[in-house]
Amino acid sequence: MPLENAAGMDSLKIREQFPKLKMIGRLDKMKIAAGGEAKENEIQKAKTLCEQGGYLPSFDHSVPPIISYEGYCDYLEKLREEI
C-alpha cells in the first residue's frame, strides 16, 4: 500500500500476476482533480478491480488540496453509482 500511479504501479497487471492479492489505492488524484473524462476513466478502472474482488478504491495517498470538497463529493457519488 499504496498502489501509486506516479511510481508506475499498474494495478491491472499486478492483479494478473497475483490474483489473490488484496489491494487498496491506485486512484490517480491528478485525474480525479482534472474531472470530466479523466475522472470517469479512473472510476472505471476502480470498477474493474472491484468486480474482480479484493480491492478497495482509494487514492494513492491522502486527498490533496487540489481536489475541492465538491469535487471529492462528486467523485464519491459517481464511485458509489458504479460499484
PDB file of N, CA and C in Angstrom:
ATOM      1  N   MET A   1       0.846  -1.160   0.000  1.00  0.00           N
ATOM      2  CA  MET A   1       0.000   0.000   0.000  1.00  0.00           C
ATOM      3  C   MET A   1       0.896   1.228   0.000  1.00  0.00           C
ATOM      4  N   PRO A   2       0.685   2.199  -0.770  1.00  0.00           N
ATOM      5  CA  PRO A   2      -0.374   2.305  -1.757  1.00  0.00           C
ATOM      6  C   PRO A   2       0.080   1.849  -3.136  1.00  0.00           C
ATOM      7  N   LEU A   3      -0.862   1.695  -4.021  1.00  0.00           N
ATOM      8  CA  LEU A   3      -0.564   1.443  -5.433  1.00  0.00           C
ATOM      9  C   LEU A   3      -0.432   2.816  -6.083  1.00  0.00           C
ATOM     10  N   GLU A   4       0.765   3.307  -6.192  1.00  0.00           N
ATOM     11  CA  GLU A   4       0.965   4.679  -6.657  1.00  0.00           C
ATOM     12  C   GLU A   4       1.187   4.740  -8.164  1.00  0.00           C
ATOM     13  N   ASN A   5       0.323   5.486  -8.832  1.00  0.00           N
ATOM     14  CA  ASN A   5       0.411   5.642 -10.277  1.00  0.00           C
ATOM     15  C   ASN A   5       1.706   6.315 -10.704  1.00  0.00           C
ATOM     16  N   ALA A   6       2.113   7.348  -9.990  1.00  0.00           N
ATOM     17  CA  ALA A   6       3.315   8.100 -10.358  1.00  0.00           C
ATOM     18  C   ALA A   6       4.575   7.229 -10.304  1.00  0.00           C
ATOM     19  N   ALA A   7       4.523   6.145  -9.553  1.00  0.00           N
ATOM     20  CA  ALA A   7       5.666   5.234  -9.462  1.00  0.00           C
ATOM     21  C   ALA A   7       5.584   4.115 -10.495  1.00  0.00           C
ATOM     22  N   GLY A   8       4.581   4.185 -11.371  1.00  0.00           N
ATOM     23  CA  GLY A   8       4.456   3.186 -12.420  1.00  0.00           C
ATOM     24  C   GLY A   8       3.746   1.908 -12.008  1.00  0.00           C
ATOM     25  N   MET A   9       3.051   1.940 -10.884  1.00  0.00           N
ATOM     26  CA  MET A   9       2.324   0.752 -10.434  1.00  0.00           C
ATOM     27  C   MET A   9       1.092   0.553 -11.318  1.00  0.00           C
ATOM     28  N   ASP A  10       0.988  -0.591 -11.944  1.00  0.00           N
ATOM     29  CA  ASP A  10      -0.148  -0.919 -12.801  1.00  0.00           C
ATOM     30  C   ASP A  10      -0.970  -1.983 -12.083  1.00  0.00           C
ATOM     31  N   SER A  11      -2.052  -1.555 -11.470  1.00  0.00           N
ATOM     32  CA  SER A  11      -2.847  -2.467 -10.644  1.00  0.00           C
ATOM     33  C   SER A  11      -3.457  -3.612 -11.444  1.00  0.00           C
ATOM     34  N   LEU A  12      -3.789  -3.370 -12.696  1.00  0.00           N
ATOM     35  CA  LEU A  12      -4.361  -4.448 -13.509  1.00  0.00           C
ATOM     36  C   LEU A  12      -3.318  -5.515 -13.818  1.00  0.00           C
ATOM     37  N   LYS A  13      -2.082  -5.125 -14.062  1.00  0.00           N
ATOM     38  CA  LYS A  13      -1.008  -6.100 -14.282  1.00  0.00           C
ATOM     39  C   LYS A  13      -0.676  -6.853 -12.996  1.00  0.00           C
ATOM     40  N   ILE A  14      -0.690  -6.124 -11.888  1.00  0.00           N
ATOM     41  CA  ILE A  14      -0.440  -6.767 -10.595  1.00  0.00           C
ATOM     42  C   ILE A  14      -1.516  -7.807 -10.327  1.00  0.00           C
ATOM     43  N   ARG A  15      -2.774  -7.465 -10.635  1.00  0.00           N
ATOM     44  CA  ARG A  15      -3.887  -8.407 -10.439  1.00  0.00           C
ATOM     45  C   ARG A  15      -3.681  -9.667 -11.286  1.00  0.00           C
ATOM     46  N   GLU A  16      -3.191  -9.491 -12.512  1.00  0.00           N
ATOM     47  CA  GLU A  16      -2.933 -10.657 -13.370  1.00  0.00           C
ATOM     48  C   GLU A  16      -1.875 -11.564 -12.762  1.00  0.00           C
ATOM     49  N   GLN A  17      -0.817 -10.966 -12.224  1.00  0.00           N
ATOM     50  CA  GLN A  17       0.281 -11.752 -11.642  1.00  0.00           C
ATOM     51  C   GLN A  17      -0.090 -12.369 -10.303  1.00  0.00           C
ATOM     52  N   PHE A  18      -0.870 -11.645  -9.512  1.00  0.00           N
ATOM     53  CA  PHE A  18      -1.212 -12.080  -8.156  1.00  0.00           C
ATOM     54  C   PHE A  18      -2.726 -11.965  -7.952  1.00  0.00           C
ATOM     55  N   PRO A  19      -3.502 -12.887  -8.498  1.00  0.00           N
ATOM     56  CA  PRO A  19      -4.956 -12.769  -8.481  1.00  0.00           C
ATOM     57  C   PRO A  19      -5.594 -12.774  -7.088  1.00  0.00           C
ATOM     58  N   LYS A  20      -4.910 -13.283  -6.088  1.00  0.00           N
ATOM     59  CA  LYS A  20      -5.487 -13.315  -4.743  1.00  0.00           C
ATOM     60  C   LYS A  20      -5.013 -12.167  -3.853  1.00  0.00           C
ATOM     61  N   LEU A  21      -4.140 -11.330  -4.379  1.00  0.00           N
ATOM     62  CA  LEU A  21      -3.606 -10.210  -3.604  1.00  0.00           C
ATOM     63  C   LEU A  21      -4.702  -9.196  -3.308  1.00  0.00           C
ATOM     64  N   LYS A  22      -4.808  -8.786  -2.067  1.00  0.00           N
ATOM     65  CA  LYS A  22      -5.754  -7.742  -1.680  1.00  0.00           C
ATOM     66  C   LYS A  22      -5.068  -6.392  -1.881  1.00  0.00           C
ATOM     67  N   MET A  23      -5.796  -5.439  -2.492  1.00  0.00           N
ATOM     68  CA  MET A  23      -5.185  -4.153  -2.831  1.00  0.00           C
ATOM     69  C   MET A  23      -6.053  -2.989  -2.381  1.00  0.00           C
ATOM     70  N   ILE A  24      -5.385  -1.866  -2.160  1.00  0.00           N
ATOM     71  CA  ILE A  24      -6.036  -0.600  -1.843  1.00  0.00           C
ATOM     72  C   ILE A  24      -5.219   0.506  -2.496  1.00  0.00           C
ATOM     73  N   GLY A  25      -5.915   1.523  -2.956  1.00  0.00           N
ATOM     74  CA  GLY A  25      -5.217   2.651  -3.575  1.00  0.00           C
ATOM     75  C   GLY A  25      -5.460   2.700  -5.071  1.00  0.00           C
ATOM     76  N   ARG A  26      -4.500   3.216  -5.821  1.00  0.00           N
ATOM     77  CA  ARG A  26      -4.397   3.278  -7.270  1.00  0.00           C
ATOM     78  C   ARG A  26      -5.145   4.408  -7.944  1.00  0.00           C
ATOM     79  N   LEU A  27      -6.098   5.074  -7.284  1.00  0.00           N
ATOM     80  CA  LEU A  27      -6.779   6.185  -7.937  1.00  0.00           C
ATOM     81  C   LEU A  27      -5.821   7.373  -8.061  1.00  0.00           C
ATOM     82  N   ASP A  28      -5.695   7.871  -9.272  1.00  0.00           N
ATOM     83  CA  ASP A  28      -4.780   8.977  -9.556  1.00  0.00           C
ATOM     84  C   ASP A  28      -5.442  10.291  -9.160  1.00  0.00           C
ATOM     85  N   LYS A  29      -4.928  10.909  -8.121  1.00  0.00           N
ATOM     86  CA  LYS A  29      -5.514  12.142  -7.600  1.00  0.00           C
ATOM     87  C   LYS A  29      -5.514  13.268  -8.625  1.00  0.00           C
ATOM     88  N   MET A  30      -4.528  13.285  -9.510  1.00  0.00           N
ATOM     89  CA  MET A  30      -4.459  14.334 -10.525  1.00  0.00           C
ATOM     90  C   MET A  30      -5.589  14.181 -11.546  1.00  0.00           C
ATOM     91  N   LYS A  31      -5.947  12.954 -11.869  1.00  0.00           N
ATOM     92  CA  LYS A  31      -7.031  12.722 -12.825  1.00  0.00           C
ATOM     93  C   LYS A  31      -8.393  12.981 -12.191  1.00  0.00           C
ATOM     94  N   ILE A  32      -8.516  12.682 -10.913  1.00  0.00           N
ATOM     95  CA  ILE A  32      -9.763  12.996 -10.214  1.00  0.00           C
ATOM     96  C   ILE A  32      -9.929  14.509 -10.150  1.00  0.00           C
ATOM     97  N   ALA A  33      -8.842  15.212  -9.870  1.00  0.00           N
ATOM     98  CA  ALA A  33      -8.884  16.682  -9.806  1.00  0.00           C
ATOM     99  C   ALA A  33      -9.206  17.285 -11.165  1.00  0.00           C
ATOM    100  N   ALA A  34      -8.740  16.667 -12.237  1.00  0.00           N
ATOM    101  CA  ALA A  34      -8.979  17.188 -13.591  1.00  0.00           C
ATOM    102  C   ALA A  34     -10.461  17.106 -13.955  1.00  0.00           C
ATOM    103  N   GLY A  35     -11.156  16.120 -13.394  1.00  0.00           N
ATOM    104  CA  GLY A  35     -12.584  15.982 -13.657  1.00  0.00           C
ATOM    105  C   GLY A  35     -12.876  15.414 -15.030  1.00  0.00           C
ATOM    106  N   GLY A  36     -14.123  15.497 -15.419  1.00  0.00           N
ATOM    107  CA  GLY A  36     -14.560  15.063 -16.744  1.00  0.00           C
ATOM    108  C   GLY A  36     -14.197  13.636 -17.085  1.00  0.00           C
ATOM    109  N   GLU A  37     -13.726  13.446 -18.307  1.00  0.00           N
ATOM    110  CA  GLU A  37     -13.399  12.118 -18.811  1.00  0.00           C
ATOM    111  C   GLU A  37     -12.260  11.468 -18.032  1.00  0.00           C
ATOM    112  N   ALA A  38     -11.292  12.264 -17.600  1.00  0.00           N
ATOM    113  CA  ALA A  38     -10.169  11.710 -16.828  1.00  0.00           C
ATOM    114  C   ALA A  38     -10.678  11.075 -15.540  1.00  0.00           C
ATOM    115  N   LYS A  39     -11.599  11.761 -14.860  1.00  0.00           N
ATOM    116  CA  LYS A  39     -12.164  11.225 -13.619  1.00  0.00           C
ATOM    117  C   LYS A  39     -12.993   9.973 -13.913  1.00  0.00           C
ATOM    118  N   GLU A  40     -13.787  10.017 -14.968  1.00  0.00           N
ATOM    119  CA  GLU A  40     -14.608   8.860 -15.331  1.00  0.00           C
ATOM    120  C   GLU A  40     -13.743   7.635 -15.620  1.00  0.00           C
ATOM    121  N   ASN A  41     -12.631   7.824 -16.313  1.00  0.00           N
ATOM    122  CA  ASN A  41     -11.726   6.709 -16.612  1.00  0.00           C
ATOM    123  C   ASN A  41     -11.158   6.097 -15.339  1.00  0.00           C
ATOM    124  N   GLU A  42     -10.809   6.928 -14.364  1.00  0.00           N
ATOM    125  CA  GLU A  42     -10.293   6.413 -13.096  1.00  0.00           C
ATOM    126  C   GLU A  42     -11.354   5.595 -12.376  1.00  0.00           C
ATOM    127  N   ILE A  43     -12.578   6.067 -12.396  1.00  0.00           N
ATOM    128  CA  ILE A  43     -13.667   5.343 -11.741  1.00  0.00           C
ATOM    129  C   ILE A  43     -13.906   4.003 -12.436  1.00  0.00           C
ATOM    130  N   GLN A  44     -13.821   3.970 -13.755  1.00  0.00           N
ATOM    131  CA  GLN A  44     -13.999   2.716 -14.486  1.00  0.00           C
ATOM    132  C   GLN A  44     -12.892   1.711 -14.167  1.00  0.00           C
ATOM    133  N   LYS A  45     -11.663   2.190 -14.006  1.00  0.00           N
ATOM    134  CA  LYS A  45     -10.562   1.297 -13.623  1.00  0.00           C
ATOM    135  C   LYS A  45     -10.816   0.720 -12.242  1.00  0.00           C
ATOM    136  N   ALA A  46     -11.297   1.563 -11.326  1.00  0.00           N
ATOM    137  CA  ALA A  46     -11.608   1.083  -9.980  1.00  0.00           C
ATOM    138  C   ALA A  46     -12.732   0.049 -10.037  1.00  0.00           C
ATOM    139  N   LYS A  47     -13.724   0.295 -10.874  1.00  0.00           N
ATOM    140  CA  LYS A  47     -14.845  -0.639 -11.025  1.00  0.00           C
ATOM    141  C   LYS A  47     -14.340  -2.007 -11.490  1.00  0.00           C
ATOM    142  N   THR A  48     -13.443  -2.010 -12.462  1.00  0.00           N
ATOM    143  CA  THR A  48     -12.884  -3.261 -12.972  1.00  0.00           C
ATOM    144  C   THR A  48     -12.230  -4.055 -11.848  1.00  0.00           C
ATOM    145  N   LEU A  49     -11.429  -3.393 -11.039  1.00  0.00           N
ATOM    146  CA  LEU A  49     -10.761  -4.085  -9.933  1.00  0.00           C
ATOM    147  C   LEU A  49     -11.754  -4.543  -8.876  1.00  0.00           C
ATOM    148  N   CYS A  50     -12.750  -3.723  -8.578  1.00  0.00           N
ATOM    149  CA  CYS A  50     -13.749  -4.102  -7.578  1.00  0.00           C
ATOM    150  C   CYS A  50     -14.525  -5.343  -8.021  1.00  0.00           C
ATOM    151  N   GLU A  51     -14.836  -5.404  -9.303  1.00  0.00           N
ATOM    152  CA  GLU A  51     -15.563  -6.564  -9.825  1.00  0.00           C
ATOM    153  C   GLU A  51     -14.763  -7.847  -9.676  1.00  0.00           C
ATOM    154  N   GLN A  52     -13.443  -7.739  -9.684  1.00  0.00           N
ATOM    155  CA  GLN A  52     -12.579  -8.906  -9.526  1.00  0.00           C
ATOM    156  C   GLN A  52     -12.448  -9.315  -8.060  1.00  0.00           C
ATOM    157  N   GLY A  53     -12.798  -8.416  -7.165  1.00  0.00           N
ATOM    158  CA  GLY A  53     -12.748  -8.692  -5.734  1.00  0.00           C
ATOM    159  C   GLY A  53     -11.403  -8.357  -5.120  1.00  0.00           C
ATOM    160  N   GLY A  54     -11.408  -8.191  -3.796  1.00  0.00           N
ATOM    161  CA  GLY A  54     -10.171  -7.946  -3.067  1.00  0.00           C
ATOM    162  C   GLY A  54      -9.560  -6.583  -3.315  1.00  0.00           C
ATOM    163  N   TYR A  55     -10.390  -5.601  -3.616  1.00  0.00           N
ATOM    164  CA  TYR A  55      -9.871  -4.259  -3.889  1.00  0.00           C
ATOM    165  C   TYR A  55     -10.756  -3.206  -3.232  1.00  0.00           C
ATOM    166  N   LEU A  56     -10.105  -2.247  -2.567  1.00  0.00           N
ATOM    167  CA  LEU A  56     -10.793  -1.085  -2.005  1.00  0.00           C
ATOM    168  C   LEU A  56     -10.321   0.152  -2.756  1.00  0.00           C
ATOM    169  N   PRO A  57     -11.217   0.836  -3.469  1.00  0.00           N
ATOM    170  CA  PRO A  57     -10.794   2.029  -4.198  1.00  0.00           C
ATOM    171  C   PRO A  57     -10.408   3.141  -3.234  1.00  0.00           C
ATOM    172  N   SER A  58      -9.279   3.742  -3.508  1.00  0.00           N
ATOM    173  CA  SER A  58      -8.757   4.803  -2.660  1.00  0.00           C
ATOM    174  C   SER A  58      -7.710   5.560  -3.461  1.00  0.00           C
ATOM    175  N   PHE A  59      -7.374   6.742  -2.989  1.00  0.00           N
ATOM    176  CA  PHE A  59      -6.288   7.485  -3.615  1.00  0.00           C
ATOM    177  C   PHE A  59      -4.969   6.824  -3.284  1.00  0.00           C
ATOM    178  N   ASP A  60      -3.944   7.135  -4.072  1.00  0.00           N
ATOM    179  CA  ASP A  60      -2.644   6.536  -3.817  1.00  0.00           C
ATOM    180  C   ASP A  60      -1.964   7.159  -2.590  1.00  0.00           C
ATOM    181  N   HIS A  61      -2.485   8.265  -2.118  1.00  0.00           N
ATOM    182  CA  HIS A  61      -2.083   8.902  -0.854  1.00  0.00           C
ATOM    183  C   HIS A  61      -3.302   9.643  -0.329  1.00  0.00           C
ATOM    184  N   SER A  62      -3.136  10.560   0.584  1.00  0.00           N
ATOM    185  CA  SER A  62      -4.282  11.303   1.088  1.00  0.00           C
ATOM    186  C   SER A  62      -4.838  12.233   0.007  1.00  0.00           C
ATOM    187  N   VAL A  63      -6.050  12.688   0.211  1.00  0.00           N
ATOM    188  CA  VAL A  63      -6.699  13.577  -0.751  1.00  0.00           C
ATOM    189  C   VAL A  63      -5.999  14.940  -0.692  1.00  0.00           C
ATOM    190  N   PRO A  64      -5.459  15.398  -1.825  1.00  0.00           N
ATOM    191  CA  PRO A  64      -4.715  16.657  -1.837  1.00  0.00           C
ATOM    192  C   PRO A  64      -5.648  17.865  -1.942  1.00  0.00           C
ATOM    193  N   PRO A  65      -5.139  19.038  -1.598  1.00  0.00           N
ATOM    194  CA  PRO A  65      -5.970  20.245  -1.653  1.00  0.00           C
ATOM    195  C   PRO A  65      -6.377  20.666  -3.066  1.00  0.00           C
ATOM    196  N   ILE A  66      -5.791  20.076  -4.106  1.00  0.00           N
ATOM    197  CA  ILE A  66      -6.210  20.423  -5.467  1.00  0.00           C
ATOM    198  C   ILE A  66      -7.588  19.841  -5.789  1.00  0.00           C
ATOM    199  N   ILE A  67      -8.074  18.931  -4.951  1.00  0.00           N
ATOM    200  CA  ILE A  67      -9.412  18.382  -5.116  1.00  0.00           C
ATOM    201  C   ILE A  67     -10.329  19.115  -4.142  1.00  0.00           C
ATOM    202  N   SER A  68     -11.279  19.845  -4.704  1.00  0.00           N
ATOM    203  CA  SER A  68     -12.212  20.597  -3.864  1.00  0.00           C
ATOM    204  C   SER A  68     -13.135  19.635  -3.119  1.00  0.00           C
ATOM    205  N   TYR A  69     -13.730  20.143  -2.076  1.00  0.00           N
ATOM    206  CA  TYR A  69     -14.698  19.342  -1.324  1.00  0.00           C
ATOM    207  C   TYR A  69     -15.831  18.887  -2.240  1.00  0.00           C
ATOM    208  N   GLU A  70     -16.328  19.805  -3.078  1.00  0.00           N
ATOM    209  CA  GLU A  70     -17.407  19.484  -4.005  1.00  0.00           C
ATOM    210  C   GLU A  70     -16.953  18.423  -5.013  1.00  0.00           C
ATOM    211  N   GLY A  71     -15.719  18.563  -5.504  1.00  0.00           N
ATOM    212  CA  GLY A  71     -15.173  17.585  -6.442  1.00  0.00           C
ATOM    213  C   GLY A  71     -15.021  16.218  -5.807  1.00  0.00           C
ATOM    214  N   TYR A  72     -14.632  16.200  -4.538  1.00  0.00           N
ATOM    215  CA  TYR A  72     -14.483  14.938  -3.819  1.00  0.00           C
ATOM    216  C   TYR A  72     -15.839  14.270  -3.613  1.00  0.00           C
ATOM    217  N   CYS A  73     -16.835  15.060  -3.230  1.00  0.00           N
ATOM    218  CA  CYS A  73     -18.181  14.515  -3.042  1.00  0.00           C
ATOM    219  C   CYS A  73     -18.733  13.967  -4.353  1.00  0.00           C
ATOM    220  N   ASP A  74     -18.482  14.673  -5.449  1.00  0.00           N
ATOM    221  CA  ASP A  74     -18.924  14.210  -6.765  1.00  0.00           C
ATOM    222  C   ASP A  74     -18.253  12.888  -7.126  1.00  0.00           C
ATOM    223  N   TYR A  75     -16.947  12.799  -6.879  1.00  0.00           N
ATOM    224  CA  TYR A  75     -16.205  11.561  -7.134  1.00  0.00           C
ATOM    225  C   TYR A  75     -16.803  10.400  -6.333  1.00  0.00           C
ATOM    226  N   LEU A  76     -17.064  10.626  -5.038  1.00  0.00           N
ATOM    227  CA  LEU A  76     -17.633   9.567  -4.194  1.00  0.00           C
ATOM    228  C   LEU A  76     -18.997   9.119  -4.689  1.00  0.00           C
ATOM    229  N   GLU A  77     -19.819  10.076  -5.089  1.00  0.00           N
ATOM    230  CA  GLU A  77     -21.154   9.737  -5.580  1.00  0.00           C
ATOM    231  C   GLU A  77     -21.065   8.896  -6.852  1.00  0.00           C
ATOM    232  N   LYS A  78     -20.204   9.291  -7.778  1.00  0.00           N
ATOM    233  CA  LYS A  78     -20.052   8.539  -9.031  1.00  0.00           C
ATOM    234  C   LYS A  78     -19.464   7.156  -8.771  1.00  0.00           C
ATOM    235  N   LEU A  79     -18.532   7.082  -7.826  1.00  0.00           N
ATOM    236  CA  LEU A  79     -17.936   5.793  -7.487  1.00  0.00           C
ATOM    237  C   LEU A  79     -18.986   4.855  -6.906  1.00  0.00           C
ATOM    238  N   ARG A  80     -19.827   5.370  -6.025  1.00  0.00           N
ATOM    239  CA  ARG A  80     -20.900   4.561  -5.434  1.00  0.00           C
ATOM    240  C   ARG A  80     -21.894   4.083  -6.481  1.00  0.00           C
ATOM    241  N   GLU A  81     -22.183   4.925  -7.463  1.00  0.00           N
ATOM    242  CA  GLU A  81     -23.110   4.532  -8.522  1.00  0.00           C
ATOM    243  C   GLU A  81     -22.555   3.388  -9.361  1.00  0.00           C
ATOM    244  N   GLU A  82     -21.262   3.387  -9.568  1.00  0.00           N
ATOM    245  CA  GLU A  82     -20.621   2.395 -10.438  1.00  0.00           C
ATOM    246  C   GLU A  82     -20.311   1.074  -9.754  1.00  0.00           C
ATOM    247  N   ILE A  83     -20.058   1.158  -8.458  1.00  0.00           N
ATOM    248  CA  ILE A  83     -19.574  -0.047  -7.767  1.00  0.00           C
ATOM    249  C   ILE A  83     -20.649  -0.671  -6.900  1.00  0.00           C
TER     250      ILE A  83
END
